[in-house]
N, C-alpha and C. Protein backbone atom coordinates (compact mmCIF):
# COMPACT_ATOMS: atom_id res chain seq x y z
N MET A 1 2.99 24.57 -1.53
CA MET A 1 2.19 24.37 -0.32
C MET A 1 1.03 23.41 -0.57
N TRP A 2 0.33 23.59 -1.68
CA TRP A 2 -0.84 22.76 -1.96
C TRP A 2 -0.49 21.28 -2.05
N TRP A 3 0.66 20.94 -2.65
CA TRP A 3 1.00 19.52 -2.78
C TRP A 3 1.27 18.89 -1.43
N HIS A 4 1.72 19.66 -0.42
CA HIS A 4 1.91 19.11 0.93
C HIS A 4 0.58 18.64 1.50
N VAL A 5 -0.43 19.45 1.35
CA VAL A 5 -1.76 19.10 1.85
C VAL A 5 -2.31 17.90 1.09
N LYS A 6 -2.15 17.92 -0.22
CA LYS A 6 -2.63 16.81 -1.04
C LYS A 6 -1.94 15.50 -0.66
N ASN A 7 -0.62 15.53 -0.48
CA ASN A 7 0.11 14.33 -0.11
C ASN A 7 -0.26 13.84 1.29
N LEU A 8 -0.52 14.76 2.20
CA LEU A 8 -0.95 14.37 3.54
C LEU A 8 -2.26 13.59 3.47
N PHE A 9 -3.22 14.09 2.72
CA PHE A 9 -4.49 13.39 2.58
C PHE A 9 -4.31 12.03 1.89
N ARG A 10 -3.44 11.97 0.89
CA ARG A 10 -3.22 10.70 0.20
C ARG A 10 -2.58 9.68 1.14
N ARG A 11 -1.66 10.11 1.99
CA ARG A 11 -1.04 9.19 2.96
C ARG A 11 -2.03 8.74 4.00
N ILE A 12 -2.88 9.65 4.47
CA ILE A 12 -3.89 9.29 5.47
C ILE A 12 -4.85 8.27 4.89
N LEU A 13 -5.24 8.46 3.65
CA LEU A 13 -6.18 7.54 2.99
C LEU A 13 -5.49 6.32 2.38
N LEU A 14 -4.17 6.23 2.52
CA LEU A 14 -3.36 5.13 2.01
C LEU A 14 -3.46 4.97 0.49
N LEU A 15 -3.63 6.08 -0.21
CA LEU A 15 -3.64 6.03 -1.66
C LEU A 15 -2.21 5.92 -2.21
N ASP A 16 -1.24 6.44 -1.48
CA ASP A 16 0.17 6.35 -1.84
C ASP A 16 0.92 5.70 -0.68
N PRO A 17 0.85 4.39 -0.51
CA PRO A 17 1.45 3.76 0.65
C PRO A 17 2.97 3.70 0.62
N GLU A 18 3.58 3.90 -0.54
CA GLU A 18 5.03 3.80 -0.65
C GLU A 18 5.67 5.15 -0.90
N PHE A 19 6.86 5.30 -0.38
CA PHE A 19 7.65 6.49 -0.68
C PHE A 19 8.37 6.26 -2.00
N LEU A 20 8.69 7.34 -2.71
CA LEU A 20 9.39 7.22 -3.98
C LEU A 20 10.72 6.48 -3.84
N CYS A 21 11.41 6.71 -2.74
CA CYS A 21 12.74 6.11 -2.54
C CYS A 21 12.68 4.59 -2.57
N ASP A 22 11.56 4.01 -2.19
CA ASP A 22 11.44 2.55 -2.16
C ASP A 22 11.58 1.93 -3.54
N THR A 23 11.28 2.68 -4.59
CA THR A 23 11.36 2.13 -5.94
C THR A 23 12.32 2.89 -6.85
N CYS A 24 13.12 3.77 -6.27
CA CYS A 24 14.04 4.58 -7.06
C CYS A 24 15.36 3.86 -7.30
N LYS A 25 15.89 3.98 -8.51
CA LYS A 25 17.17 3.33 -8.80
C LYS A 25 18.33 4.03 -8.13
N TYR A 26 18.12 5.22 -7.59
CA TYR A 26 19.17 5.96 -6.89
C TYR A 26 19.06 5.80 -5.36
N ASP A 27 18.37 4.79 -4.89
CA ASP A 27 18.15 4.62 -3.46
C ASP A 27 19.34 3.97 -2.75
N TYR A 28 20.44 4.69 -2.75
CA TYR A 28 21.60 4.32 -1.94
C TYR A 28 22.39 5.59 -1.66
N PRO A 29 23.06 5.65 -0.50
CA PRO A 29 23.66 6.91 -0.02
C PRO A 29 24.61 7.63 -0.98
N ARG A 30 25.41 6.93 -1.72
CA ARG A 30 26.35 7.61 -2.62
C ARG A 30 25.67 8.23 -3.83
N ALA A 31 24.52 7.70 -4.23
CA ALA A 31 23.83 8.22 -5.40
C ALA A 31 22.85 9.33 -5.06
N CYS A 32 22.26 9.27 -3.87
CA CYS A 32 21.25 10.25 -3.49
C CYS A 32 21.62 10.91 -2.17
N THR A 33 21.83 12.21 -2.22
CA THR A 33 22.16 12.94 -1.00
C THR A 33 21.08 13.95 -0.63
N ARG A 34 19.91 13.78 -1.19
CA ARG A 34 18.80 14.69 -0.89
C ARG A 34 18.34 14.52 0.55
N PRO A 35 17.99 15.62 1.22
CA PRO A 35 17.56 15.54 2.62
C PRO A 35 16.24 14.79 2.80
N GLU A 36 15.43 14.68 1.75
CA GLU A 36 14.15 13.98 1.85
C GLU A 36 14.32 12.46 1.93
N ARG A 37 15.44 11.97 1.48
CA ARG A 37 15.68 10.53 1.46
C ARG A 37 15.69 9.98 2.87
N PRO A 38 15.08 8.87 3.16
CA PRO A 38 14.43 7.87 2.32
C PRO A 38 12.91 8.01 2.27
N ASN A 39 12.36 9.15 2.67
CA ASN A 39 10.91 9.30 2.74
C ASN A 39 10.35 10.32 1.76
N ALA A 40 10.95 10.44 0.60
CA ALA A 40 10.49 11.43 -0.38
C ALA A 40 9.16 11.02 -1.00
N MET A 41 8.28 11.99 -1.06
CA MET A 41 7.00 11.79 -1.73
C MET A 41 7.02 12.47 -3.10
N ARG A 42 8.02 13.31 -3.30
CA ARG A 42 8.16 14.06 -4.55
C ARG A 42 9.66 14.31 -4.75
N CYS A 43 10.17 14.04 -5.95
CA CYS A 43 11.60 14.20 -6.18
C CYS A 43 11.87 14.42 -7.66
N PRO A 44 12.62 15.47 -8.01
CA PRO A 44 12.91 15.73 -9.42
C PRO A 44 13.93 14.74 -10.00
N ASP A 45 14.66 14.03 -9.16
CA ASP A 45 15.67 13.08 -9.64
C ASP A 45 15.16 11.64 -9.71
N TYR A 46 13.91 11.40 -9.37
CA TYR A 46 13.37 10.04 -9.30
C TYR A 46 13.44 9.33 -10.65
N ARG A 47 13.95 8.11 -10.62
CA ARG A 47 13.94 7.22 -11.78
C ARG A 47 13.52 5.84 -11.29
N LYS A 48 12.55 5.25 -11.95
CA LYS A 48 12.06 3.93 -11.52
C LYS A 48 13.16 2.90 -11.60
N GLY A 49 13.32 2.17 -10.51
CA GLY A 49 14.36 1.14 -10.43
C GLY A 49 13.77 -0.25 -10.52
N GLY A 50 14.61 -1.22 -10.40
CA GLY A 50 14.17 -2.61 -10.54
C GLY A 50 14.05 -3.35 -9.22
N LYS A 51 13.50 -2.71 -8.20
CA LYS A 51 13.35 -3.38 -6.90
C LYS A 51 12.05 -4.12 -6.84
């Protein structure tokens, strides 16, 4: 619960302007089937990609 509030404040203040999916190497439908995609702010499968 606490991280939801923290992320809301960070988005409002534009401290985290990008979603994780924007830079994830799994950012395509066959690789990622999580319901949070494409707007995940937190993801256990996140791996930095080369975008």
